[in-house]
Amino acid sequence: MQTIYGIHAVLEALKARGRAFQYVGVARNRSDEKLARIIADCRASGVPVRFLERYDLERLAQTDNHQGVVAVTAAKKYADLDDVLAARRGEHAFVLALDGVEDPHNLGAILRTADAAGCDGVILPERRAAGVTGAVAKVSAGASEHLTIARVTNIGRAIEEMKTKNIWVVGLDERGTKSYEQVDYRMDCALVLGAEGKGLHEHVRRHCDFLVSIPMLGQVASLNVSVAAGIVMYEMVRQRRAAGNAAQGKK
């Protein structure tokens, strides 16, 4: 079993119904509108509610940052690569592949932005990388429950499989010779980001069709991976929306 904690994370998990719930624990003697909504959603879905003392919630969540609610659930169900490729939301494929992001807070922030940007799905390696834990679900504000997320044994092989399906692969790396906004993202593409402080592994870099970087105008050589992910993903969104608006204007 796994725990999800935090108001938004639990609400979104109940909404998504992507995993089985054993019960939801709510702080005893605490009443507010958001917790009342969680209780109502649980009862509507047939999920048992237990009213617990705060120290019991801290024990379940293994943190005091639970906002008065902890859900005890089955573990996150990961998809496979084909599921990610089949989950297309728009005209062009938009896949995010993470080459070894290890910090749960970075992963959660990336997943939150990926969902907001309309990403089809996310690919994570099975080893030496964070998975979708309770901490990740909370930082993602529940976005992790709505995204199609696959775990693969080898990111390089997953990239090559995507390329056989005519998906272009853009790697974000500080050694990239193109600036990120110089690529035309109005195509089926996957964005690949490397681990914190390490960047892309060499064998992953070699599989990319494009290597791009974010210009750094100050003294620090790189950005936090979740910030960098947001910048490039929203450049993809900007270009695709501009193209769609232009097409609408011609009609």
Protein backbone atom coordinates (compact mmCIF):
# COMPACT_ATOMS: atom_id res chain seq x y z
CA MET A 1 0.00 0.00 0.00
CA GLN A 2 0.97 3.63 -0.48
CA THR A 3 -0.08 6.92 1.08
CA ILE A 4 -1.10 10.14 -0.63
CA TYR A 5 -1.30 13.22 1.54
CA GLY A 6 -2.29 16.84 1.16
CA ILE A 7 -5.67 18.28 0.21
CA HIS A 8 -5.11 18.77 -3.52
CA ALA A 9 -3.30 15.46 -3.99
CA VAL A 10 -6.08 13.47 -2.29
CA LEU A 11 -8.87 15.37 -4.06
CA GLU A 12 -7.29 14.73 -7.48
CA ALA A 13 -6.65 11.07 -6.68
CA LEU A 14 -10.33 10.65 -5.77
CA LYS A 15 -11.33 12.41 -8.97
CA ALA A 16 -9.01 10.37 -11.20
CA ARG A 17 -9.90 7.00 -9.61
CA GLY A 18 -6.68 5.59 -11.01
CA ARG A 19 -5.97 3.47 -7.94
CA ALA A 20 -7.87 1.56 -5.25
CA PHE A 21 -8.43 3.26 -1.89
CA GLN A 22 -8.30 1.40 1.42
CA TYR A 23 -9.46 4.46 3.36
CA VAL A 24 -8.93 8.20 3.77
CA GLY A 25 -7.83 9.49 7.15
CA VAL A 26 -8.99 12.98 8.14
CA ALA A 27 -7.89 15.03 11.14
CA ARG A 28 -10.28 14.70 14.03
CA ASN A 29 -11.89 17.93 15.29
CA ARG A 30 -10.84 19.88 12.22
CA SER A 31 -13.47 21.25 9.89
CA ASP A 32 -13.05 23.38 6.81
CA GLU A 33 -14.61 23.52 3.36
CA LYS A 34 -11.90 21.55 1.55
CA LEU A 35 -11.82 18.72 4.07
CA ALA A 36 -15.62 18.60 3.99
CA ARG A 37 -15.43 18.22 0.20
CA ILE A 38 -12.98 15.32 0.56
CA ILE A 39 -15.30 13.59 3.02
CA ALA A 40 -18.25 14.11 0.66
CA ASP A 41 -16.27 12.78 -2.31
CA CYS A 42 -15.24 9.72 -0.31
CA ARG A 43 -18.80 8.95 0.70
CA ALA A 44 -20.04 9.43 -2.86
CA SER A 45 -17.36 7.01 -4.10
CA GLY A 46 -17.77 4.46 -1.33
CA VAL A 47 -14.31 5.13 0.13
CA PRO A 48 -14.19 4.66 3.93
CA VAL A 49 -13.28 7.74 6.01
CA ARG A 50 -11.48 7.48 9.34
CA PHE A 51 -11.16 10.40 11.74
CA LEU A 52 -7.67 10.28 13.20
CA GLU A 53 -5.52 12.18 15.62
CA ARG A 54 -2.85 14.38 14.14
CA TYR A 55 0.01 12.13 15.30
CA ASP A 56 -1.65 9.18 13.52
CA LEU A 57 -1.74 11.17 10.28
CA GLU A 58 1.91 12.14 10.73
CA ARG A 59 2.81 8.49 11.22
CA LEU A 60 0.97 7.47 8.05
CA ALA A 61 2.36 10.29 5.92
CA GLN A 62 5.80 10.24 7.59
CA THR A 63 5.64 14.03 7.59
CA ASP A 64 3.71 16.74 9.37
CA ASN A 65 2.98 18.44 6.03
CA HIS A 66 -0.21 16.48 5.35
CA GLN A 67 -2.78 19.32 5.69
CA GLY A 68 -5.03 17.11 7.78
CA VAL A 69 -5.69 14.34 5.25
CA VAL A 70 -3.93 11.09 4.28
CA ALA A 71 -5.24 8.50 1.83
CA VAL A 72 -4.10 4.88 2.08
CA THR A 73 -4.19 3.48 -1.43
CA ALA A 74 -2.80 0.88 -3.76
CA ALA A 75 0.52 1.82 -5.36
CA LYS A 76 0.55 4.00 -8.46
CA LYS A 77 -0.14 1.94 -11.59
CA TYR A 78 2.42 2.70 -14.25
CA ALA A 79 1.57 2.47 -17.92
CA ASP A 80 3.82 1.22 -20.70
CA LEU A 81 5.30 3.22 -23.55
CA ASP A 82 2.49 2.33 -25.95
CA ASP A 83 -0.05 3.75 -23.49
CA VAL A 84 1.86 7.05 -23.37
CA LEU A 85 2.00 7.24 -27.16
CA ALA A 86 -1.73 6.46 -27.39
CA ALA A 87 -2.67 9.21 -24.91
CA ARG A 88 -2.29 12.05 -27.43
CA ARG A 89 -4.20 15.16 -26.35
CA GLY A 90 -3.63 17.41 -29.36
CA GLU A 91 -2.73 17.48 -33.04
CA HIS A 92 0.92 16.69 -32.34
CA ALA A 93 2.40 14.20 -29.88
CA PHE A 94 3.95 15.74 -26.77
CA VAL A 95 5.90 13.27 -24.64
CA LEU A 96 8.23 14.06 -21.74
CA ALA A 97 11.10 11.69 -20.92
CA LEU A 98 13.12 12.17 -17.73
CA ASP A 99 16.63 10.73 -17.72
CA GLY A 100 17.09 10.06 -14.02
CA VAL A 101 15.44 12.88 -12.04
CA GLU A 102 16.00 11.78 -8.45
CA ASP A 103 14.51 14.52 -6.27
CA PRO A 104 10.80 13.89 -5.53
CA HIS A 105 10.13 17.63 -5.29
CA ASN A 106 11.61 18.22 -8.73
CA LEU A 107 9.64 15.33 -10.18
CA GLY A 108 6.41 16.57 -8.62
CA ALA A 109 6.95 20.09 -9.94
CA ILE A 110 7.72 18.76 -13.43
CA LEU A 111 4.58 16.59 -13.46
CA ARG A 112 2.44 19.54 -12.37
CA THR A 113 3.76 21.65 -15.25
CA ALA A 114 3.53 18.77 -17.72
CA ASP A 115 -0.15 18.31 -16.99
CA ALA A 116 -0.80 22.05 -17.23
CA ALA A 117 1.04 22.22 -20.57
CA GLY A 118 -1.04 19.42 -22.07
CA CYS A 119 1.68 16.77 -22.10
CA ASP A 120 0.45 13.37 -23.36
CA GLY A 121 2.49 11.40 -20.87
CA VAL A 122 5.79 10.99 -19.07
CA ILE A 123 8.49 8.32 -19.30
CA LEU A 124 10.63 7.52 -16.24
CA PRO A 125 13.49 5.02 -15.89
CA GLU A 126 13.00 2.18 -13.45
CA ARG A 127 16.40 2.62 -11.80
CA ARG A 128 18.19 5.59 -10.22
CA ALA A 129 15.17 7.85 -10.52
CA ALA A 130 12.30 9.00 -8.35
CA GLY A 131 8.96 7.26 -8.75
CA VAL A 132 5.48 8.60 -8.03
CA THR A 133 5.40 8.59 -4.23
CA GLY A 134 3.13 10.40 -1.83
CA ALA A 135 5.58 13.30 -1.71
CA VAL A 136 5.59 13.54 -5.50
CA ALA A 137 1.79 13.46 -5.63
CA LYS A 138 1.58 16.30 -3.10
CA VAL A 139 4.13 18.52 -4.86
CA SER A 140 2.38 17.87 -8.17
CA ALA A 141 -0.91 19.04 -6.56
CA GLY A 142 -2.46 15.78 -7.77
CA ALA A 143 -1.37 16.15 -11.41
CA SER A 144 0.49 12.83 -11.11
CA GLU A 145 -2.89 11.10 -10.82
CA HIS A 146 -4.07 12.40 -14.20
CA LEU A 147 -0.95 11.89 -16.30
CA THR A 148 -0.11 8.67 -18.14
CA ILE A 149 3.27 7.72 -16.66
CA ALA A 150 5.41 4.83 -17.89
CA ARG A 151 8.50 3.31 -16.32
CA VAL A 152 11.00 1.76 -18.71
CA THR A 153 14.18 -0.24 -18.22
CA ASN A 154 16.17 1.86 -20.68
CA ILE A 155 15.47 5.46 -21.73
CA GLY A 156 17.69 5.14 -24.82
CA ARG A 157 15.70 2.19 -26.13
CA ALA A 158 12.43 3.99 -25.40
CA ILE A 159 13.68 6.96 -27.42
CA GLU A 160 14.60 4.72 -30.35
CA GLU A 161 11.15 3.10 -30.21
CA MET A 162 9.52 6.52 -30.34
CA LYS A 163 11.65 7.47 -33.32
CA THR A 164 10.36 4.44 -35.22
CA LYS A 165 6.90 5.98 -34.76
CA ASN A 166 8.05 9.27 -36.36
CA ILE A 167 8.45 11.15 -33.10
CA TRP A 168 11.28 13.67 -33.10
CA VAL A 169 13.39 13.77 -29.95
CA VAL A 170 14.61 17.05 -28.43
CA GLY A 171 17.17 16.81 -25.64
CA LEU A 172 17.63 19.73 -23.25
CA ASP A 173 21.32 19.96 -22.37
CA GLU A 174 23.59 22.87 -21.45
CA ARG A 175 25.96 21.68 -24.20
CA GLY A 176 23.24 22.02 -26.84
CA THR A 177 24.23 24.19 -29.80
CA LYS A 178 20.72 25.51 -30.49
CA SER A 179 18.72 27.74 -28.18
CA TYR A 180 15.50 26.05 -27.12
CA GLU A 181 13.25 28.50 -29.00
CA GLN A 182 15.05 27.85 -32.32
CA VAL A 183 13.40 24.43 -32.74
CA ASP A 184 10.00 24.22 -34.44
CA TYR A 185 7.90 22.14 -32.03
CA ARG A 186 4.93 21.92 -34.39
CA MET A 187 5.66 18.24 -34.92
CA ASP A 188 5.27 14.99 -33.03
CA CYS A 189 8.05 15.25 -30.49
CA ALA A 190 9.44 14.12 -27.17
CA LEU A 191 11.35 16.40 -24.81
CA VAL A 192 14.14 14.69 -22.83
CA LEU A 193 15.60 16.17 -19.64
CA GLY A 194 18.52 14.91 -17.61
CA ALA A 195 19.16 14.43 -13.92
CA GLU A 196 19.87 17.20 -11.45
CA GLY A 197 23.43 18.46 -11.83
CA LYS A 198 24.38 15.74 -14.30
CA GLY A 199 22.35 16.53 -17.39
CA LEU A 200 21.69 13.90 -20.02
CA HIS A 201 23.68 10.69 -19.98
CA GLU A 202 25.96 10.41 -23.00
CA HIS A 203 24.14 7.38 -24.43
CA VAL A 204 20.85 9.32 -24.18
CA ARG A 205 22.33 12.44 -25.82
CA ARG A 206 23.40 10.36 -28.82
CA HIS A 207 19.80 9.26 -29.42
CA CYS A 208 18.41 12.83 -29.61
CA ASP A 209 17.59 14.44 -32.95
CA PHE A 210 18.12 17.94 -31.53
CA LEU A 211 20.12 19.17 -28.56
CA VAL A 212 18.98 22.53 -27.21
CA SER A 213 20.00 24.74 -24.32
CA ILE A 214 18.55 27.65 -22.38
CA PRO A 215 20.72 30.80 -22.62
CA MET A 216 22.17 31.70 -19.22
CA LEU A 217 22.80 35.43 -18.85
CA GLY A 218 24.06 35.45 -15.29
CA GLN A 219 26.90 33.80 -13.39
CA VAL A 220 25.17 30.47 -12.64
CA ALA A 221 25.64 27.84 -15.35
CA SER A 222 22.27 26.08 -15.19
CA LEU A 223 18.68 26.16 -13.94
CA ASN A 224 16.84 23.78 -11.64
CA VAL A 225 15.53 20.94 -13.82
CA SER A 226 11.88 21.64 -12.98
CA VAL A 227 12.28 25.31 -13.95
CA ALA A 228 14.06 24.38 -17.17
CA ALA A 229 11.32 21.88 -17.99
CA GLY A 230 8.65 24.54 -17.56
CA ILE A 231 10.43 27.02 -19.82
CA VAL A 232 10.78 24.60 -22.73
CA MET A 233 7.37 22.97 -22.35
CA TYR A 234 5.65 26.35 -22.49
CA GLU A 235 7.66 27.32 -25.56
CA MET A 236 6.17 24.21 -27.16
CA VAL A 237 2.72 25.35 -26.01
CA ARG A 238 3.30 28.89 -27.31
CA GLN A 239 4.35 27.73 -30.77
CA ARG A 240 1.51 25.25 -31.14
CA ARG A 241 -1.13 27.71 -29.94
CA ALA A 242 0.18 30.40 -32.26
CA ALA A 243 -0.04 27.98 -35.19
CA GLY A 244 -3.58 27.01 -34.18
CA ASN A 245 -4.66 30.64 -33.85
CA ALA A 246 -3.17 31.44 -37.25
CA ALA A 247 -5.03 28.53 -38.83
CA GLN A 248 -8.28 29.69 -37.23
CA GLY A 249 -7.71 33.20 -38.58
CA LYS A 250 -7.48 31.91 -42.14
CA LYS A 251 -10.90 30.27 -41.99
